[in-house]
Protein backbone atom coordinates (compact mmCIF):
# COMPACT_ATOMS: atom_id res chain seq x y z
CA MET A 1 -20.68 42.06 -46.01
CA ALA A 2 -18.76 44.38 -43.78
CA ARG A 3 -21.11 44.90 -40.99
CA LEU A 4 -21.50 41.05 -40.94
CA ILE A 5 -17.90 40.31 -40.02
CA GLN A 6 -17.82 43.18 -37.17
CA ASN A 7 -21.02 41.46 -36.02
CA LEU A 8 -19.82 38.13 -36.11
CA ASN A 9 -15.98 39.68 -34.86
CA VAL A 10 -18.44 40.94 -31.68
CA LEU A 11 -20.17 37.52 -31.18
CA LEU A 12 -17.06 35.33 -31.60
CA ILE A 13 -15.55 37.68 -28.37
CA LEU A 14 -18.76 37.51 -26.86
CA THR A 15 -19.35 33.84 -27.04
CA THR A 16 -15.41 33.43 -25.38
CA LEU A 17 -15.83 36.07 -22.40
CA SER A 18 -18.88 34.02 -21.80
CA GLY A 19 -16.92 30.63 -22.08
CA MET A 20 -13.90 32.14 -20.00
CA LEU A 21 -16.71 33.06 -17.33
CA SER A 22 -18.04 30.03 -17.48
CA CYS A 23 -15.06 27.98 -16.52
CA ASN A 24 -13.90 30.26 -13.76
CA PHE A 25 -17.72 29.57 -12.37
CA ILE A 26 -17.56 25.76 -12.59
CA ALA A 27 -13.71 25.77 -12.03
CA PRO A 28 -13.04 23.88 -8.85
CA GLY A 29 -10.91 25.99 -6.01
CA PRO A 30 -7.85 24.07 -4.52
CA ILE A 31 -8.16 20.10 -2.82
CA ALA A 32 -7.87 21.25 1.11
CA GLU A 33 -4.93 19.19 2.46
CA ASN A 34 -7.61 16.70 4.42
CA GLU A 35 -9.10 15.75 1.54
CA THR A 36 -6.08 14.05 -0.70
CA LEU A 37 -3.19 11.92 0.52
CA ASP A 38 -0.31 12.95 -2.29
CA GLY A 39 1.77 15.39 -1.23
CA PRO A 40 5.45 16.29 1.01
CA ILE A 41 5.61 16.22 4.32
CA GLU A 42 6.26 19.72 5.70
CA GLY A 43 9.77 20.99 5.98
CA LEU A 44 11.57 19.42 3.41
CA THR A 45 14.51 20.80 2.11
CA LEU A 46 15.64 22.76 -1.14
CA GLU A 47 17.66 18.90 -2.09
CA GLN A 48 14.98 17.49 -0.81
CA ASN A 49 12.02 18.67 -2.36
CA ALA A 50 14.16 18.05 -5.42
CA LEU A 51 14.39 14.61 -4.60
CA PHE A 52 10.84 14.04 -4.02
CA VAL A 53 9.86 15.53 -7.36
CA ALA A 54 11.99 13.24 -9.02
CA GLY A 55 10.97 10.08 -7.49
CA ASP A 56 7.07 11.50 -7.87
CA GLU A 57 8.28 11.62 -11.91
CA ALA A 58 9.54 8.32 -11.59
CA PHE A 59 6.51 7.19 -9.26
CA SER A 60 4.27 7.99 -12.21
CA ALA A 61 6.03 6.80 -15.58
CA THR A 62 4.57 4.43 -17.63
CA PHE A 63 6.57 1.50 -19.18
CA THR A 64 6.13 0.39 -22.33
CA SER A 65 7.88 -2.95 -24.08
CA LYS A 66 11.03 -0.41 -25.34
CA THR A 67 11.70 0.66 -22.75
CA GLY A 68 11.90 -2.68 -20.12
CA LEU A 69 8.07 -3.55 -19.68
CA GLY A 70 7.59 -6.99 -19.42
CA PRO A 71 8.32 -9.35 -20.93
CA THR A 72 5.44 -10.62 -18.22
CA PHE A 73 3.74 -8.36 -15.82
CA VAL A 74 0.37 -6.83 -14.28
CA ALA A 75 0.87 -2.91 -14.18
CA THR A 76 3.05 -0.63 -16.51
CA SER A 77 3.46 2.14 -13.64
CA CYS A 78 3.87 2.41 -9.99
CA GLY A 79 0.85 5.03 -10.54
CA SER A 80 -1.46 3.06 -11.91
CA CYS A 81 -1.37 0.79 -9.09
CA HIS A 82 -1.63 3.17 -6.47
CA THR A 83 -3.43 6.13 -7.30
CA ALA A 84 -2.89 9.22 -6.06
CA ASP A 85 -1.02 7.13 -4.09
CA GLY A 86 -3.80 5.56 -2.30
CA LYS A 87 -5.66 2.20 -2.58
CA GLY A 88 -6.21 -0.37 -5.50
CA HIS A 89 -8.96 -1.40 -7.40
CA PRO A 90 -9.77 -4.99 -8.26
CA PHE A 91 -8.44 -4.34 -12.21
CA THR A 92 -5.06 -3.27 -10.14
CA THR A 93 -5.14 -6.58 -7.64
CA LEU A 94 -2.09 -9.03 -7.59
CA VAL A 95 -1.70 -12.62 -7.10
CA ARG A 96 0.87 -14.61 -5.08
CA PHE A 97 0.98 -17.97 -5.28
CA GLY A 98 3.23 -21.01 -4.07
CA GLN A 99 3.64 -20.89 -0.53
CA ALA A 100 1.25 -23.08 1.58
CA ASP A 101 3.21 -23.20 4.72
CA THR A 102 5.86 -21.96 6.82
CA THR A 103 8.73 -24.24 4.99
CA GLY A 104 9.39 -22.12 1.94
CA ASN A 105 7.98 -21.68 -1.14
CA ILE A 106 8.62 -24.45 -3.84
CA PHE A 107 6.94 -22.93 -6.83
CA LEU A 108 9.77 -20.21 -6.83
CA THR A 109 11.24 -21.46 -10.00
CA ARG A 110 8.09 -22.50 -11.85
CA GLY A 111 7.04 -18.17 -11.66
CA GLY A 112 6.25 -17.78 -8.01
CA PRO A 113 6.03 -15.40 -5.94
CA GLN A 114 3.95 -13.29 -8.04
CA LEU A 115 1.97 -13.83 -11.07
CA GLN A 116 2.29 -11.51 -13.77
CA ASN A 117 -1.13 -12.06 -15.69
CA ARG A 118 0.12 -9.99 -19.19
CA ALA A 119 2.58 -9.76 -21.25
CA ILE A 120 3.97 -7.44 -23.93
CA PRO A 121 2.94 -8.85 -27.44
CA GLY A 122 4.43 -11.72 -28.82
CA HIS A 123 4.86 -13.03 -25.57
CA THR A 124 2.91 -15.51 -23.00
CA PRO A 125 0.89 -14.13 -19.75
CA GLU A 126 1.29 -16.55 -16.59
CA GLN A 127 -1.11 -18.63 -15.18
CA ILE A 128 -0.92 -20.28 -12.10
CA PRO A 129 0.86 -23.87 -12.01
CA ASP A 130 -1.22 -26.96 -10.85
CA GLY A 131 -1.13 -27.25 -7.13
CA ALA A 132 0.15 -24.04 -5.82
CA THR A 133 -2.07 -22.00 -3.60
CA SER A 134 -2.35 -18.42 -4.29
CA ALA A 135 -4.04 -15.15 -2.63
CA LYS A 136 -5.19 -11.97 -4.03
CA PHE A 137 -3.52 -8.60 -2.70
CA THR A 138 -5.10 -5.31 -2.97
CA PRO A 139 -2.36 -2.53 -3.82
CA PRO A 140 -2.57 -0.93 -0.40
CA ALA A 141 -1.65 3.57 0.22
CA VAL A 142 1.68 4.29 0.08
CA THR A 143 1.31 7.78 2.10
CA GLY A 144 2.65 7.89 5.94
CA LEU A 145 5.17 4.86 4.71
CA GLY A 146 7.85 6.94 6.29
CA PHE A 147 7.22 6.71 9.46
CA LEU A 148 6.54 3.56 9.86
CA ALA A 149 10.02 2.81 8.32
CA ALA A 150 11.71 5.15 10.70
CA LEU A 151 10.56 2.94 13.95
CA THR A 152 12.99 0.40 15.76
CA ASP A 153 12.31 -2.83 15.87
CA GLU A 154 12.56 -2.51 19.60
CA GLN A 155 9.59 -0.66 19.10
CA ILE A 156 8.11 -3.30 17.02
CA LEU A 157 8.72 -5.97 19.09
CA ALA A 158 7.36 -3.89 22.66
CA ASN A 159 4.22 -4.71 21.45
CA ALA A 160 4.45 -8.42 20.51
CA ASP A 161 2.87 -11.03 22.34
CA PRO A 162 3.27 -14.54 20.79
CA ASN A 163 1.92 -16.88 23.00
CA ASP A 164 -0.84 -14.17 24.85
CA SER A 165 0.79 -13.91 27.99
CA ASP A 166 -1.54 -11.83 28.85
CA GLY A 167 -4.37 -13.32 28.22
CA ASP A 168 -6.30 -11.11 26.11
CA GLY A 169 -6.46 -13.52 23.02
CA ILE A 170 -4.33 -11.38 21.02
CA SER A 171 -0.76 -13.21 20.09
CA GLY A 172 0.43 -10.55 17.66
CA ARG A 173 4.26 -11.34 16.11
CA PRO A 174 6.48 -10.72 14.25
CA ASN A 175 7.36 -12.09 10.61
CA TYR A 176 10.78 -12.85 10.02
CA ILE A 177 12.59 -12.69 6.63
CA ASP A 178 15.36 -13.44 4.93
CA PRO A 179 16.72 -10.40 3.61
CA PRO A 180 17.97 -9.63 0.34
CA ASP A 181 21.52 -9.15 -0.64
CA PHE A 182 20.95 -5.49 -1.00
CA PHE A 183 19.64 -5.30 2.60
CA GLN A 184 21.98 -3.17 4.55
CA PRO A 185 20.88 -3.08 8.54
CA GLN A 186 20.24 -0.13 10.13
CA TRP A 187 20.87 0.73 13.72
CA PHE A 188 17.15 0.23 14.20
CA HIS A 189 17.18 -3.48 13.25
CA GLN A 190 17.56 -6.39 15.16
CA PRO A 191 18.09 -9.18 13.11
CA ARG A 192 17.44 -12.99 14.48
CA ALA A 193 19.74 -15.95 13.09
CA GLY A 194 19.46 -13.78 9.83
CA LYS A 195 16.23 -13.38 9.30
CA ILE A 196 14.79 -9.21 9.26
CA ILE A 197 11.80 -8.64 10.73
CA GLY A 198 9.67 -7.54 7.91
CA ARG A 199 7.02 -4.24 8.16
CA PHE A 200 5.23 -3.73 5.15
CA GLY A 201 2.68 -6.07 2.83
CA LYS A 202 0.13 -7.86 3.65
CA LYS A 203 1.88 -10.77 5.32
CA ALA A 204 5.15 -8.17 6.10
CA ALA A 205 6.98 -10.12 3.68
CA ALA A 206 8.84 -6.96 3.06
CA VAL A 207 12.29 -5.52 5.19
CA SER A 208 12.12 -2.30 4.15
CA LEU A 209 10.91 0.57 1.43
CA LEU A 210 13.94 -0.26 -0.34
CA HIS A 211 12.96 -4.08 -0.60
CA GLN A 212 9.29 -3.11 -1.68
CA THR A 213 9.67 -1.24 -4.36
CA VAL A 214 12.45 -2.93 -5.86
CA ASN A 215 10.70 -6.45 -5.96
CA ALA A 216 7.22 -4.12 -7.21
CA TYR A 217 9.44 -2.91 -10.43
CA ASN A 218 10.90 -6.43 -10.80
CA GLU A 219 7.44 -8.70 -9.94
CA ASP A 220 4.86 -6.06 -11.44
CA MET A 221 6.13 -4.50 -14.42
CA GLY A 222 9.01 -6.78 -15.23
CA ILE A 223 11.74 -4.11 -14.29
CA THR A 224 15.21 -5.08 -14.01
CA SER A 225 17.08 -2.39 -11.89
CA ASP A 226 20.95 -2.71 -9.96
CA PHE A 227 19.01 -4.28 -7.47
CA ARG A 228 17.65 -7.64 -9.37
CA MET A 229 18.77 -7.91 -12.89
CA GLU A 230 16.51 -11.00 -14.28
CA ASP A 231 13.25 -10.29 -16.18
CA PRO A 232 10.74 -12.06 -14.66
CA ILE A 233 9.73 -15.80 -16.62
CA ASN A 234 7.21 -17.72 -17.66
CA TYR A 235 8.48 -20.90 -16.91
CA ALA A 236 5.38 -22.76 -18.75
CA VAL A 237 7.35 -21.00 -22.15
CA ALA A 238 11.12 -20.97 -20.99
CA ASN A 239 13.29 -21.45 -18.68
CA GLN A 240 14.93 -17.67 -19.56
CA SER A 241 14.23 -14.57 -19.83
CA THR A 242 13.25 -12.90 -23.98
CA ASP A 243 13.41 -9.41 -22.73
CA MET A 244 14.93 -7.86 -25.61
CA VAL A 245 16.29 -4.81 -23.50
CA ALA A 246 19.22 -4.65 -22.10
CA ASP A 247 19.71 -4.43 -18.41
CA PRO A 248 19.55 -2.83 -16.22
CA GLU A 249 16.02 -1.09 -17.07
CA VAL A 250 16.38 1.46 -14.66
CA SER A 251 19.01 2.37 -12.20
CA ALA A 252 19.83 2.46 -8.83
CA ALA A 253 19.24 6.10 -8.61
CA VAL A 254 16.00 6.44 -10.06
CA VAL A 255 14.55 3.57 -7.56
CA GLN A 256 16.12 5.47 -4.51
CA ASN A 257 14.50 8.10 -5.73
CA VAL A 258 11.45 6.79 -5.42
CA VAL A 259 11.97 5.30 -2.14
CA PHE A 260 12.74 8.75 -1.20
CA TYR A 261 9.48 10.04 -2.60
CA ILE A 262 7.25 7.37 -0.76
CA ARG A 263 9.25 8.05 2.74
CA THR A 264 8.61 11.64 2.62
CA LEU A 265 4.88 11.30 1.58
CA LYS A 266 3.04 13.14 4.18
CA VAL A 267 0.66 11.46 6.44
CA PRO A 268 -3.29 11.24 5.72
CA VAL A 269 -4.84 13.87 7.03
CA ARG A 270 -7.56 13.63 9.84
CA ARG A 271 -10.60 14.99 9.09
CA ASN A 272 -13.99 16.06 11.03
CA GLU A 273 -12.43 14.40 13.94
CA ARG A 274 -14.40 16.98 16.52
CA ASN A 275 -17.58 16.03 15.44
CA PRO A 276 -19.54 14.56 18.44
CA GLU A 277 -20.35 11.63 16.56
CA VAL A 278 -16.63 10.97 15.68
CA ILE A 279 -15.39 11.21 18.73
CA ARG A 280 -17.84 9.05 20.09
CA GLY A 281 -17.03 6.56 17.19
CA GLN A 282 -13.57 6.42 18.94
CA GLN A 283 -14.96 5.61 22.07
CA PHE A 284 -16.08 2.34 20.11
CA PHE A 285 -13.01 1.58 18.28
CA SER A 286 -11.68 1.16 21.88
CA GLU A 287 -14.03 -0.09 23.87
CA LEU A 288 -14.54 -2.87 21.19
CA LYS A 289 -10.45 -3.47 21.80
CA CYS A 290 -10.08 -2.94 18.04
CA VAL A 291 -6.71 -0.65 19.49
CA ALA A 292 -5.00 -3.86 20.30
CA CYS A 293 -3.90 -4.87 16.71
CA HIS A 294 -5.05 -1.11 14.87
CA LEU A 295 -2.16 0.78 17.75
CA PRO A 296 -3.61 4.16 17.21
CA GLU A 297 0.06 6.30 17.82
CA TRP A 298 3.33 6.09 17.76
CA LYS A 299 6.19 8.31 17.98
CA THR A 300 9.90 8.16 15.27
CA PRO A 301 13.30 8.27 16.89
CA GLU A 302 16.05 10.36 15.08
CA SER A 303 16.02 9.78 11.38
CA ASP A 304 18.46 10.60 8.48
CA ILE A 305 16.02 12.74 6.76
CA GLY A 306 15.11 15.42 9.71
CA VAL A 307 11.74 16.08 9.67
CA LEU A 308 10.68 12.42 10.48
CA SER A 309 12.79 12.61 13.41
CA TYR A 310 10.32 12.46 16.84
CA GLN A 311 7.42 13.09 15.60
CA THR A 312 4.28 11.55 17.20
CA PHE A 313 2.14 10.05 14.43
CA TYR A 314 -1.40 7.88 14.20
CA PRO A 315 -1.33 4.68 11.67
CA TYR A 316 -3.69 2.05 14.02
CA THR A 317 -1.63 -0.65 13.00
CA ASP A 318 1.02 -2.41 15.15
CA LEU A 319 3.08 -4.14 12.13
CA LEU A 320 2.53 -7.12 13.64
CA LEU A 321 1.01 -10.39 12.09
CA HIS A 322 -2.58 -11.38 14.09
CA ASP A 323 -4.30 -14.90 13.36
CA MET A 324 -7.84 -13.56 11.16
CA GLY A 325 -9.07 -16.64 11.60
CA GLU A 326 -10.59 -19.63 8.93
CA SER A 327 -12.89 -16.67 6.51
CA LEU A 328 -9.61 -14.66 5.40
CA ASP A 329 -7.44 -17.95 5.39
CA ASP A 330 -6.59 -18.10 1.69
CA GLY A 331 -3.94 -21.11 2.68
CA TYR A 332 -1.09 -18.87 1.24
CA THR A 333 1.97 -17.51 2.85
CA GLU A 334 5.07 -15.25 3.27
CA GLY A 335 7.96 -15.59 5.48
CA ILE A 336 6.90 -17.58 9.03
CA ALA A 337 3.25 -16.66 8.86
CA LEU A 338 0.78 -19.11 9.03
CA THR A 339 -2.26 -18.53 5.73
CA SER A 340 -4.22 -17.21 8.34
CA GLU A 341 -1.96 -14.69 9.62
CA TRP A 342 -1.83 -10.89 8.33
CA ARG A 343 -0.05 -8.01 9.13
CA THR A 344 -2.23 -5.54 10.83
CA PRO A 345 -3.38 -2.59 7.72
CA PRO A 346 -2.95 0.73 8.96
CA LEU A 347 -6.47 2.22 8.38
CA TRP A 348 -5.30 6.16 8.30
CA GLY A 349 -6.02 7.49 4.97
CA LEU A 350 -9.14 4.91 4.99
CA GLY A 351 -12.07 7.50 4.48
CA LEU A 352 -10.14 8.54 1.22
CA SER A 353 -9.87 5.12 -0.43
CA LYS A 354 -12.92 5.43 -2.29
CA ASP A 355 -10.80 8.48 -4.06
CA ALA A 356 -8.86 6.55 -5.70
CA GLN A 357 -10.98 3.07 -6.03
CA GLY A 358 -13.54 4.30 -8.41
CA GLY A 359 -15.90 5.61 -5.88
CA GLU A 360 -16.97 2.51 -4.32
CA TYR A 361 -14.62 0.49 -1.74
CA PHE A 362 -12.50 -2.66 -2.09
CA LEU A 363 -11.33 -3.17 1.48
CA LEU A 364 -9.27 -6.29 3.80
CA HIS A 365 -6.46 -8.15 1.95
CA ASP A 366 -8.16 -8.80 -1.77
CA GLY A 367 -10.82 -5.62 -1.85
CA ARG A 368 -13.50 -8.46 -1.47
CA ALA A 369 -15.49 -6.38 1.39
CA GLY A 370 -17.26 -3.53 -0.02
CA SER A 371 -17.79 -1.60 2.97
CA ILE A 372 -16.10 -1.02 5.97
CA GLU A 373 -19.43 -2.83 8.20
CA GLU A 374 -18.32 -6.00 5.87
CA ALA A 375 -14.46 -5.64 6.76
CA ILE A 376 -15.18 -5.77 10.63
CA LEU A 377 -17.91 -8.95 9.52
CA PHE A 378 -14.86 -10.34 7.93
CA HIS A 379 -12.85 -10.19 11.30
CA GLY A 380 -12.01 -13.56 12.90
CA GLY A 381 -9.52 -15.47 14.88
CA GLU A 382 -7.88 -12.99 17.50
CA ALA A 383 -10.55 -10.78 16.22
CA ASP A 384 -13.54 -12.60 17.05
CA LYS A 385 -14.18 -10.71 20.07
CA SER A 386 -14.84 -7.67 18.44
CA ARG A 387 -16.54 -8.57 15.54
CA GLN A 388 -18.81 -10.00 17.95
CA LEU A 389 -19.57 -6.93 20.61
CA PHE A 390 -19.76 -5.07 16.92
CA THR A 391 -22.35 -7.17 15.84
CA GLN A 392 -23.98 -6.04 19.27
CA LEU A 393 -23.99 -2.22 18.88
CA THR A 394 -26.92 -0.60 18.16
CA ASN A 395 -27.07 0.79 14.25
CA GLU A 396 -26.60 4.33 15.60
CA GLU A 397 -23.98 3.33 17.19
CA LYS A 398 -22.18 1.48 13.88
CA GLU A 399 -22.40 4.49 11.83
CA ALA A 400 -20.84 6.40 14.59
CA LEU A 401 -17.88 3.85 14.71
CA ILE A 402 -17.75 3.53 10.44
CA ARG A 403 -17.68 7.64 10.68
CA PHE A 404 -14.53 7.91 13.53
CA LEU A 405 -13.16 5.20 10.49
CA GLU A 406 -14.26 7.27 8.01
CA SER A 407 -12.23 10.77 9.79
CA LEU A 408 -8.83 9.04 9.64
């Protein structure tokens, strides 16, 4: 019996060691810096790193009905829409509704501008009211946004050409937005008749990362804060919210931590940029005049966050509205944008999009394009000439262009 126990003990030890060796053998190594979107900007101070971590925790926090979720909502956390700070999936795609022209949203008293398609127990999800136009918005990646937030209005306006004065067929223009009550203009803002240039969101309808974050808490998760105290209301059921959790459900400090976290996320790091095919594809990107809207290079001015100051970065966007033609006209808009106008989306991090989207591409504002080539072919309006030039490339040239885009 003792011999049997001894043999069993030896077998247990060997099995344990074998398991440990197997785990060590198959365990993945550290992820390369250019293979992930999350992570802070290098050079943050100890205090700033602590704020970054606090913001990261808040960004990942999941809400329930006991902590203020809803009563109607779309997602339960920031991170559920932006997995690893990347793009969203069709499951997390938002629906915006109610504005059909530049005169404003007439459905704000009927649940607009965002559909809350889920609800906590005992409550009813929203439905789009009859007569309201709508559009689907796939959540974007959030990395590098602090660099875009640091730019001045003067820099953005320098690339605007609303009347196409140079005759190149490109007429980008800013979207001027009525700012929320809590917005405080900074030295780099240039208000026009009380309106502020929007720079975030599919239609550039958010004037700052604070504006965007407060809206996300409230409209995506039904979470009130010191900045927006009213829960979403399903006007088809009642004229007031029946959320029983005391407001505000998150403090201003928590919201500001999330804003700091987003401001200090690193820019996406290039991959394979010295590959000859990638270099060749970059040349095609320029020759097709894609750079007219997807402006490659910017430089930040002085910032209140030291490591954001005087930084050259490459987001491939001009932050302006462009008419993208009939195929991308959803009949819905925000601010002064036309229904066919969309803010040029940054292209950095494009090659890592599939990592956050379940292994497939879901591109354009609503995720309708399943590949980069399909996304290009949907381009019209001001981008129609570039689209036509793309169709004239050989298959090898198209592959080089796509390899360049996937390197961003």
